Protein backbone atom coordinates (compact mmCIF):
# COMPACT_ATOMS: atom_id res chain seq x y z
CA LYS A 1 -15.34 -35.33 39.44
CA ARG A 2 -12.59 -37.73 40.56
CA GLN A 3 -12.00 -38.16 44.28
CA GLY A 4 -8.95 -36.20 45.42
CA GLN A 5 -8.23 -35.03 41.88
CA GLY A 6 -10.24 -31.82 41.72
CA GLU A 7 -13.11 -31.45 39.26
CA VAL A 8 -13.84 -30.44 35.70
CA LEU A 9 -16.62 -27.87 35.42
CA LEU A 10 -18.50 -26.75 32.32
CA VAL A 11 -18.96 -22.97 32.18
CA GLY A 12 -20.66 -20.60 29.77
CA ALA A 13 -18.95 -18.04 27.58
CA ASP A 14 -19.60 -15.17 29.99
CA ASP A 15 -17.94 -17.00 32.89
CA ALA A 16 -15.13 -18.19 30.61
CA ARG A 17 -14.29 -14.58 29.73
CA GLY A 18 -13.46 -13.97 33.36
CA LEU A 19 -11.56 -17.23 33.95
CA LEU A 20 -9.51 -18.08 30.86
CA PRO A 21 -7.25 -14.99 30.67
CA GLU A 22 -5.95 -15.48 34.22
CA ILE A 23 -5.14 -19.16 33.60
CA TYR A 24 -3.46 -18.36 30.29
CA SER A 25 -1.33 -15.62 31.89
CA ALA A 26 -0.17 -18.03 34.61
CA VAL A 27 0.83 -20.65 32.00
CA ALA A 28 2.59 -18.00 29.88
CA THR A 29 4.82 -17.02 32.80
CA ASP A 30 6.62 -20.40 32.72
CA GLN A 31 6.32 -21.42 29.05
CA PRO A 32 8.99 -20.25 26.58
CA GLY A 33 7.54 -18.93 23.34
CA PHE A 34 4.21 -17.59 24.60
CA LEU A 35 2.85 -14.17 23.68
CA SER A 36 0.80 -12.00 25.99
CA ARG A 37 -2.86 -11.54 25.02
CA ARG A 38 -4.44 -8.12 25.18
CA ALA A 39 -8.15 -7.68 25.84
CA GLU A 40 -8.69 -7.15 22.10
CA VAL A 41 -7.15 -10.56 21.36
CA TRP A 42 -9.42 -12.25 23.87
CA ASP A 43 -12.41 -10.51 22.28
CA LEU A 44 -11.46 -12.23 19.02
CA TYR A 45 -11.23 -15.64 20.73
CA PHE A 46 -14.73 -15.22 22.11
CA GLU A 47 -16.23 -13.82 18.88
CA ASP A 48 -17.07 -17.37 17.70
CA LEU A 49 -18.82 -16.56 14.43
CA GLU A 50 -20.81 -19.41 12.91
CA SER A 51 -18.91 -19.02 9.62
CA TRP A 52 -15.70 -19.98 11.49
CA ARG A 53 -17.04 -23.25 12.90
CA GLY A 54 -16.81 -25.60 9.91
CA GLY A 55 -19.84 -27.63 10.95
CA PHE A 56 -18.85 -27.78 14.63
CA THR A 57 -20.82 -26.42 17.57
CA SER A 58 -20.06 -23.08 19.15
CA ASN A 59 -17.21 -22.99 21.63
CA ARG A 60 -17.68 -24.91 24.84
CA TYR A 61 -15.53 -24.36 27.92
CA ALA A 62 -14.33 -26.75 30.63
CA ILE A 63 -12.39 -25.58 33.69
CA PHE A 64 -10.28 -27.77 35.95
CA ARG A 65 -10.58 -26.61 39.55
CA ASN A 66 -8.84 -28.01 42.62
CA GLY A 67 -9.02 -26.61 46.14
CA GLY A 68 -10.90 -23.55 44.88
CA GLU A 69 -8.14 -22.70 42.38
CA ASP A 70 -8.63 -22.75 38.62
CA LEU A 71 -5.65 -24.62 37.16
CA GLY A 72 -6.58 -25.25 33.55
CA TYR A 73 -9.12 -24.88 30.79
CA LEU A 74 -10.25 -26.60 27.60
CA ARG A 75 -11.93 -24.68 24.79
CA TYR A 76 -13.55 -27.21 22.47
CA ARG A 77 -16.21 -27.89 19.84
CA VAL A 78 -18.08 -31.04 18.74
CA LYS A 79 -19.23 -32.08 15.26
CA ASP A 80 -22.29 -34.36 15.13
CA THR A 81 -21.67 -37.19 12.63
CA TRP A 82 -23.35 -40.60 12.34
CA LYS A 83 -22.53 -43.50 10.00
CA ASP A 84 -24.51 -46.76 9.74
CA ASN A 85 -26.51 -45.70 12.80
CA LEU A 86 -23.31 -45.43 14.85
CA PRO A 87 -21.87 -42.24 16.35
CA LYS A 88 -18.76 -40.88 14.64
CA ASN A 89 -18.75 -37.55 16.40
CA GLU A 90 -15.55 -35.49 16.43
CA LEU A 91 -14.32 -33.35 19.31
CA LEU A 92 -11.98 -30.50 18.42
CA ALA A 93 -9.84 -29.53 21.42
CA ALA A 94 -9.10 -26.06 20.08
CA GLU A 95 -7.06 -24.91 23.07
CA LEU A 96 -6.00 -26.65 26.27
CA MET A 97 -4.00 -24.68 28.84
CA ALA A 98 -2.91 -26.17 32.15
CA ARG A 99 -0.85 -24.82 35.01
CA THR A 100 -0.09 -28.30 36.39
CA PRO A 101 0.28 -31.81 34.92
CA GLU A 102 -2.70 -32.87 37.03
CA ALA A 103 -4.90 -30.26 35.34
CA GLU A 104 -3.73 -31.25 31.86
CA ILE A 105 -4.34 -34.96 32.54
CA GLU A 106 -7.86 -34.38 33.83
CA LEU A 107 -8.82 -32.10 30.95
CA TRP A 108 -7.59 -34.66 28.42
CA ARG A 109 -9.48 -37.35 30.34
CA PHE A 110 -12.61 -35.22 30.07
CA ALA A 111 -12.16 -34.75 26.30
CA PHE A 112 -11.61 -38.45 25.61
CA SER A 113 -14.54 -39.56 27.78
CA THR A 114 -17.13 -37.28 26.15
CA ASP A 115 -20.18 -39.33 25.16
CA LEU A 116 -20.56 -40.49 21.54
CA VAL A 117 -17.20 -39.02 20.45
CA ASP A 118 -15.30 -41.27 18.05
CA GLN A 119 -12.32 -39.02 17.34
CA VAL A 120 -10.53 -36.28 19.29
CA ARG A 121 -8.59 -33.76 17.25
CA THR A 122 -6.47 -30.92 18.52
CA GLN A 123 -4.49 -27.99 17.13
CA ASN A 124 -1.09 -26.47 17.71
CA ARG A 125 0.21 -28.48 20.64
CA PRO A 126 3.73 -28.41 22.15
CA GLU A 127 6.35 -30.90 21.02
CA ASP A 128 6.59 -32.40 24.53
CA ASP A 129 2.81 -32.76 25.01
CA LEU A 130 1.61 -35.03 27.81
CA ILE A 131 -0.97 -36.62 25.51
CA ASP A 132 1.81 -38.75 24.01
CA HIS A 133 2.21 -40.54 27.34
CA LEU A 134 -1.46 -40.82 28.37
CA LEU A 135 -2.93 -42.92 25.58
CA ALA A 136 -3.43 -46.65 26.11
CA ASP A 137 -2.32 -47.14 22.49
CA PRO A 138 0.00 -44.28 21.51
CA ARG A 139 0.27 -45.66 17.96
CA ARG A 140 -3.25 -44.39 17.27
CA LEU A 141 -2.08 -40.82 17.72
CA ASN A 142 -1.50 -39.16 14.35
CA ARG A 143 0.74 -36.12 14.53
CA SER A 144 1.94 -33.65 11.93
CA TYR A 145 4.69 -31.07 12.40
CA VAL A 146 4.79 -27.49 11.18
CA ASP A 147 7.18 -24.65 11.95
CA GLY A 148 5.05 -22.42 14.15
CA LEU A 149 7.71 -20.47 16.04
CA TRP A 150 10.61 -18.42 14.69
CA ALA A 151 12.86 -15.93 16.48
CA ARG A 152 15.25 -13.41 14.96
CA LEU A 153 17.31 -11.43 17.49
CA VAL A 154 17.90 -7.78 16.61
CA ASP A 155 19.07 -6.29 19.91
CA VAL A 156 21.30 -9.21 20.90
CA PRO A 157 22.53 -8.05 24.35
CA ALA A 158 19.04 -6.99 25.45
CA ALA A 159 17.53 -10.29 24.30
CA LEU A 160 20.19 -12.47 25.94
CA ALA A 161 19.94 -10.52 29.19
CA ALA A 162 16.14 -10.87 29.23
CA ARG A 163 16.03 -14.65 29.73
CA ARG A 164 17.21 -17.05 32.41
CA TYR A 165 19.65 -19.92 31.87
CA ARG A 166 19.57 -23.46 33.13
CA THR A 167 23.05 -23.34 34.70
CA GLU A 168 25.48 -20.63 35.68
CA GLY A 169 27.95 -19.87 32.92
CA ARG A 170 29.96 -17.39 30.92
CA LEU A 171 30.19 -17.19 27.12
CA VAL A 172 31.55 -14.75 24.57
CA ILE A 173 29.30 -14.96 21.51
CA GLU A 174 30.15 -13.35 18.21
CA VAL A 175 27.14 -12.65 15.98
CA GLU A 176 27.82 -12.08 12.29
CA ASP A 177 24.78 -10.25 10.96
CA SER A 178 25.03 -9.67 7.22
CA PHE A 179 21.54 -8.17 6.98
CA LEU A 180 21.88 -5.75 9.93
CA PRO A 181 25.66 -5.36 10.37
CA ASP A 182 25.33 -2.74 13.12
CA GLN A 183 23.45 -5.26 15.28
CA GLY A 184 26.24 -7.83 15.17
CA GLY A 185 29.40 -7.96 17.23
CA ARG A 186 30.90 -9.75 20.21
CA PHE A 187 28.92 -10.03 23.42
CA LEU A 188 29.86 -11.29 26.87
CA LEU A 189 27.01 -13.29 28.39
CA GLU A 190 27.03 -14.14 32.11
CA GLY A 191 23.87 -15.84 33.26
CA GLY A 192 22.15 -18.50 35.31
CA PRO A 193 18.77 -19.54 36.74
CA GLU A 194 18.23 -16.18 38.45
CA GLY A 195 18.94 -13.93 35.47
CA ALA A 196 21.69 -12.67 33.20
CA GLU A 197 23.78 -9.76 32.01
CA CYS A 198 25.09 -9.27 28.48
CA ARG A 199 27.28 -6.51 27.08
CA PRO A 200 29.62 -5.83 24.13
CA THR A 201 33.18 -7.05 24.57
CA SER A 202 36.48 -7.26 22.70
CA ASP A 203 37.34 -10.69 24.21
CA GLU A 204 37.99 -13.62 21.89
CA PRO A 205 34.72 -15.41 21.07
CA ASP A 206 33.83 -18.85 22.40
CA LEU A 207 31.18 -19.24 19.69
CA THR A 208 30.58 -17.55 16.35
CA MET A 209 27.24 -17.74 14.53
CA ASP A 210 24.63 -15.86 12.50
CA PRO A 211 21.51 -14.40 14.17
CA ILE A 212 19.27 -17.15 12.79
CA SER A 213 21.30 -19.85 14.56
CA LEU A 214 21.20 -17.84 17.79
CA GLY A 215 17.46 -17.28 17.42
CA SER A 216 16.82 -21.00 16.92
CA ARG A 217 18.40 -21.71 20.33
CA TYR A 218 17.22 -18.59 22.15
CA LEU A 219 13.97 -20.05 23.50
CA GLY A 220 15.55 -23.29 24.72
CA GLY A 221 14.97 -25.60 21.75
CA GLY A 222 17.42 -26.77 19.12
CA SER A 223 21.11 -27.58 19.54
CA PHE A 224 24.31 -25.61 19.05
CA ALA A 225 26.06 -28.95 18.48
CA LEU A 226 23.81 -29.76 15.52
CA SER A 227 24.21 -26.24 14.14
CA ARG A 228 27.98 -26.63 14.32
CA SER A 229 27.79 -29.96 12.46
CA VAL A 230 26.25 -28.19 9.45
CA GLY A 231 28.62 -25.24 9.61
CA ARG A 232 26.31 -22.58 11.04
CA VAL A 233 28.16 -22.29 14.37
CA THR A 234 31.86 -22.48 15.17
CA GLY A 235 33.43 -23.10 18.57
CA SER A 236 35.29 -25.66 20.66
CA ASP A 237 33.68 -28.81 22.05
CA ASP A 238 33.81 -27.31 25.54
CA ALA A 239 32.13 -24.07 24.44
CA ILE A 240 29.42 -25.95 22.56
CA ARG A 241 28.66 -28.16 25.57
CA ARG A 242 28.61 -25.16 27.90
CA ALA A 243 26.31 -23.21 25.58
CA ASP A 244 23.88 -26.09 25.04
CA THR A 245 23.68 -26.68 28.79
CA MET A 246 23.08 -23.01 29.56
CA PHE A 247 20.49 -22.40 26.83
CA SER A 248 18.51 -25.61 27.41
CA TRP A 249 15.28 -25.48 29.42
CA HIS A 250 13.00 -28.02 31.11
CA GLN A 251 10.22 -27.23 28.61
CA GLN A 252 10.38 -27.12 24.84
CA PRO A 253 9.36 -23.76 23.35
CA TRP A 254 5.76 -23.50 22.16
CA CYS A 255 3.73 -20.66 20.67
CA PRO A 256 -0.04 -21.37 20.63
CA HIS A 257 -0.76 -18.57 18.16
CA TYR A 258 -1.16 -18.45 14.40
CA PHE A 259 0.35 -15.74 12.22
């Protein structure tokens, strides 16, 4: 426990079953790219068969609590390894979810201060992870990138109306869908931080693109400007700037699931 910073508590699997889903749901509300988890999915997370562990311990659970409120959790395992009578143990931070930066910092602090651990490894973290800025020597962080999130819009007006936008704006977007021609067309998008409306229109388009280019920007990542530079999007400089400003978000999209 750190004075004034809340505390990290170790809990058993039974208590974790009651605590983790609520924290995850709160994080999912603000994080683009998350999927909801049904009770059956949580059952799978807590199954924890020995054949899945790869030499690690069973799951262990740490909760960050401040002012009586649970703000984050770490699900982790440890592998016991010694070399030349020195500990080379490995901690696998399988899943860390935090509702606040404070919670994320303290849970990482807990992981890196675990006794006899020589290496901390994690899985499937967001591109803008705080861990990059917490290490005393960031050069010791080894990172690999994979494409873990892909969106393909089918019902374009419903999808565009379902999200919020960083700034108020108006765009006419023409989607050329060669695979599902009936799902393409021109759509008038009017949106902002409080919500959006989108409907078919006959107005001249500000931007023209395929559904893959629209999907790559839908969750707030990517860049219409870069897509235009390789010929996947067409539109004026003003329309591109307006679209990139509207579609951007303060968090990069992240999906913590495997498919």
